[in-house]
Protein backbone atom coordinates (compact mmCIF):
# COMPACT_ATOMS: atom_id res chain seq x y z
CA UNK A 1 127.00 -10.58 -31.04
CA UNK A 2 124.09 -12.05 -32.24
CA UNK A 3 123.54 -9.59 -35.46
CA UNK A 4 121.62 -10.65 -38.34
CA UNK A 5 123.54 -10.23 -41.79
CA UNK A 6 121.23 -8.91 -44.43
CA UNK A 7 123.97 -9.26 -47.14
CA UNK A 8 126.48 -11.95 -47.54
CA UNK A 9 130.12 -10.82 -48.45
CA UNK A 10 132.01 -12.79 -51.01
CA UNK A 11 135.56 -12.51 -52.32
CA UNK A 12 136.07 -13.27 -55.97
CA UNK A 13 139.00 -15.24 -56.37
CA UNK A 14 142.03 -13.87 -54.59
CA UNK A 15 141.73 -10.43 -55.48
CA UNK A 16 140.51 -8.58 -52.49
CA UNK A 17 142.64 -11.06 -50.11
CA UNK A 18 145.89 -10.24 -51.88
CA UNK A 19 145.16 -6.49 -51.69
CA UNK A 20 144.17 -7.15 -47.70
CA UNK A 21 147.37 -8.82 -47.14
CA UNK A 22 149.27 -5.80 -48.05
CA UNK A 23 147.62 -3.29 -45.80
CA UNK A 24 148.97 -2.18 -42.31
CA UNK A 25 147.04 -3.81 -39.34
CA UNK A 26 144.99 -0.24 -38.36
CA UNK A 27 143.77 -0.31 -42.11
CA UNK A 28 142.95 -4.11 -41.95
CA UNK A 29 141.02 -3.41 -38.92
CA UNK A 30 139.08 -0.42 -40.69
CA UNK A 31 138.09 -2.54 -43.67
CA UNK A 32 136.89 -5.29 -41.38
CA UNK A 33 134.63 -2.78 -39.54
CA UNK A 34 133.53 -1.41 -42.83
CA UNK A 35 132.42 -4.78 -44.21
CA UNK A 36 130.67 -5.48 -41.00
CA UNK A 37 128.92 -2.08 -41.32
CA UNK A 38 128.15 -3.04 -44.96
CA UNK A 39 126.76 -6.63 -44.01
CA UNK A 40 124.38 -5.46 -41.03
CA UNK A 41 122.90 -2.35 -41.88
CA UNK A 42 120.08 -1.56 -44.45
CA UNK A 43 121.15 1.78 -45.51
CA UNK A 44 124.85 2.12 -45.67
CA UNK A 45 126.22 5.75 -45.52
CA UNK A 46 127.84 6.96 -48.81
CA UNK A 47 130.88 7.89 -46.71
CA UNK A 48 131.95 4.12 -46.65
CA UNK A 49 130.00 2.46 -49.75
CA UNK A 50 128.89 4.65 -53.03
CA UNK A 51 127.57 3.52 -56.52
CA UNK A 52 130.33 4.56 -59.24
CA UNK A 53 128.08 6.46 -61.63
CA UNK A 54 130.10 5.84 -64.57
CA UNK A 55 129.90 2.03 -64.28
CA UNK A 56 127.70 -1.03 -64.70
CA UNK A 57 126.81 -1.41 -61.25
CA UNK A 58 130.13 -1.00 -59.47
CA UNK A 59 130.21 0.06 -55.94
CA UNK A 60 133.35 1.33 -54.14
CA UNK A 61 133.98 0.42 -50.32
CA UNK A 62 135.64 3.48 -49.00
CA UNK A 63 138.13 3.33 -46.12
CA UNK A 64 140.09 6.31 -44.38
CA UNK A 65 142.87 5.82 -42.16
CA UNK A 66 144.59 9.22 -41.34
CA UNK A 67 145.65 10.84 -44.48
CA UNK A 68 145.23 7.51 -46.35
CA UNK A 69 142.31 6.74 -48.58
CA UNK A 70 141.63 3.00 -49.75
CA UNK A 71 139.15 1.76 -51.87
CA UNK A 72 137.79 -1.89 -52.91
CA UNK A 73 135.62 -2.37 -55.84
CA UNK A 74 132.59 -4.48 -55.40
CA UNK A 75 129.00 -5.21 -57.09
CA UNK A 76 126.00 -7.22 -56.24
CA UNK A 77 124.77 -10.69 -57.12
CA UNK A 78 121.33 -11.32 -56.68
CA UNK A 79 120.66 -8.12 -54.40
CA UNK A 80 122.26 -9.39 -51.27
CA UNK A 81 125.76 -10.93 -52.28
CA UNK A 82 128.37 -8.25 -52.28
CA UNK A 83 131.33 -9.58 -54.33
CA UNK A 84 134.53 -7.94 -53.60
CA UNK A 85 137.13 -7.66 -56.63
CA UNK A 86 140.02 -5.25 -56.90
CA UNK A 87 141.50 -2.70 -54.09
CA UNK A 88 144.10 0.22 -54.32
CA UNK A 89 145.19 3.02 -52.33
CA UNK A 90 143.70 6.14 -53.85
CA UNK A 91 146.35 8.98 -54.13
CA UNK A 92 144.47 11.69 -56.26
CA UNK A 93 140.61 12.93 -56.28
CA UNK A 94 139.64 11.08 -59.17
CA UNK A 95 139.48 7.35 -59.57
CA UNK A 96 142.00 5.90 -61.57
CA UNK A 97 140.14 4.81 -64.87
CA UNK A 98 142.58 1.74 -64.85
CA UNK A 99 141.01 0.36 -61.61
CA UNK A 100 137.47 0.82 -62.59
CA UNK A 101 138.23 -0.93 -65.80
CA UNK A 102 139.72 -3.84 -64.27
CA UNK A 103 136.61 -3.89 -61.51
CA UNK A 104 134.41 -4.19 -64.52
CA UNK A 105 136.50 -6.85 -66.17
CA UNK A 106 136.48 -8.85 -63.21
CA UNK A 107 132.63 -8.49 -62.76
CA UNK A 108 132.06 -9.77 -66.36
CA UNK A 109 134.43 -12.71 -65.57
CA UNK A 110 132.65 -13.41 -62.39
CA UNK A 111 129.15 -13.45 -64.50
CA UNK A 112 130.80 -15.51 -67.15
CA UNK A 113 132.08 -18.39 -64.98
CA UNK A 114 129.04 -18.23 -62.78
CA UNK A 115 126.80 -19.07 -65.95
CA UNK A 116 128.88 -21.46 -67.77
């Protein structure tokens, strides 16, 4: 496989990796596939990667396995770096407000630490 990445993916602290460790193997595979898609293709289908309109530049990475739905929040740094923060299993139609608030807080924390 000699494909060129157009986006780097960075895990901020251990938030995503801690979530990833809790997932079943088939969900992990789907997340790996989805992250590779995000890293490789220019126009990512909204089914997999969607901007949260009520946010300050937060995107959700979306994964479905069977009837289970999972989300991981991320954001860009310098246009190419997708920074992964918190993840959760979605159990309702609406994105939990507390999860979005956590993503916003982690994004702010990331940039505060970066520019210190």
